[in-house]
Amino acid sequence: QLQLVESGGGLVQPGGSLTLSCTASGSVLDYYTIAWFRQAPGKGREGVSCITQYGGSVKYGASVQGRFTVSRDNYKNAAWLQMNSLKLEDTAIYYCAASSKINRCEGYEGTDFASWGLGTQVTVSS
């Protein structure tokens, strides 16, 4: 069974950068579309980015478009979320999720994803 572990979160100043990692075990990542979601205190879950099995389809949420970059390396069984120009409103717990159900990122939703990591905290503060 696929297991996901996020890492790389932390405290960063506005305008700074962080790279989150999602490491998979228990199965090969080739079979899965990967997405990053986040949840800020008192808010609902938000889709941040999505990348299909071989990177043919990539999507970003409107609030992170142009600042975040998703990538993956199936040989390393890992994915990453490069976050630049971080803003206060990017503060949230970030989750990595995997889906063997979808092979397109258009219209992806959290309910499409069966495997989830425990999340990593990202705090943007001056």
Foldseek 3Di string as FASTA:
>chain_A
DKAKAKDWADEAAQQAKIKIKIAIDDDQQLLWKKWKWWDDPPDDIGTAKIAFNQRPAIDGDPVQPPFWDKDDDRVRRMIMIIGGRDDQVVWTWMKMFIASQDRYDVPDDPVRTDYIHPTDTHGYHD
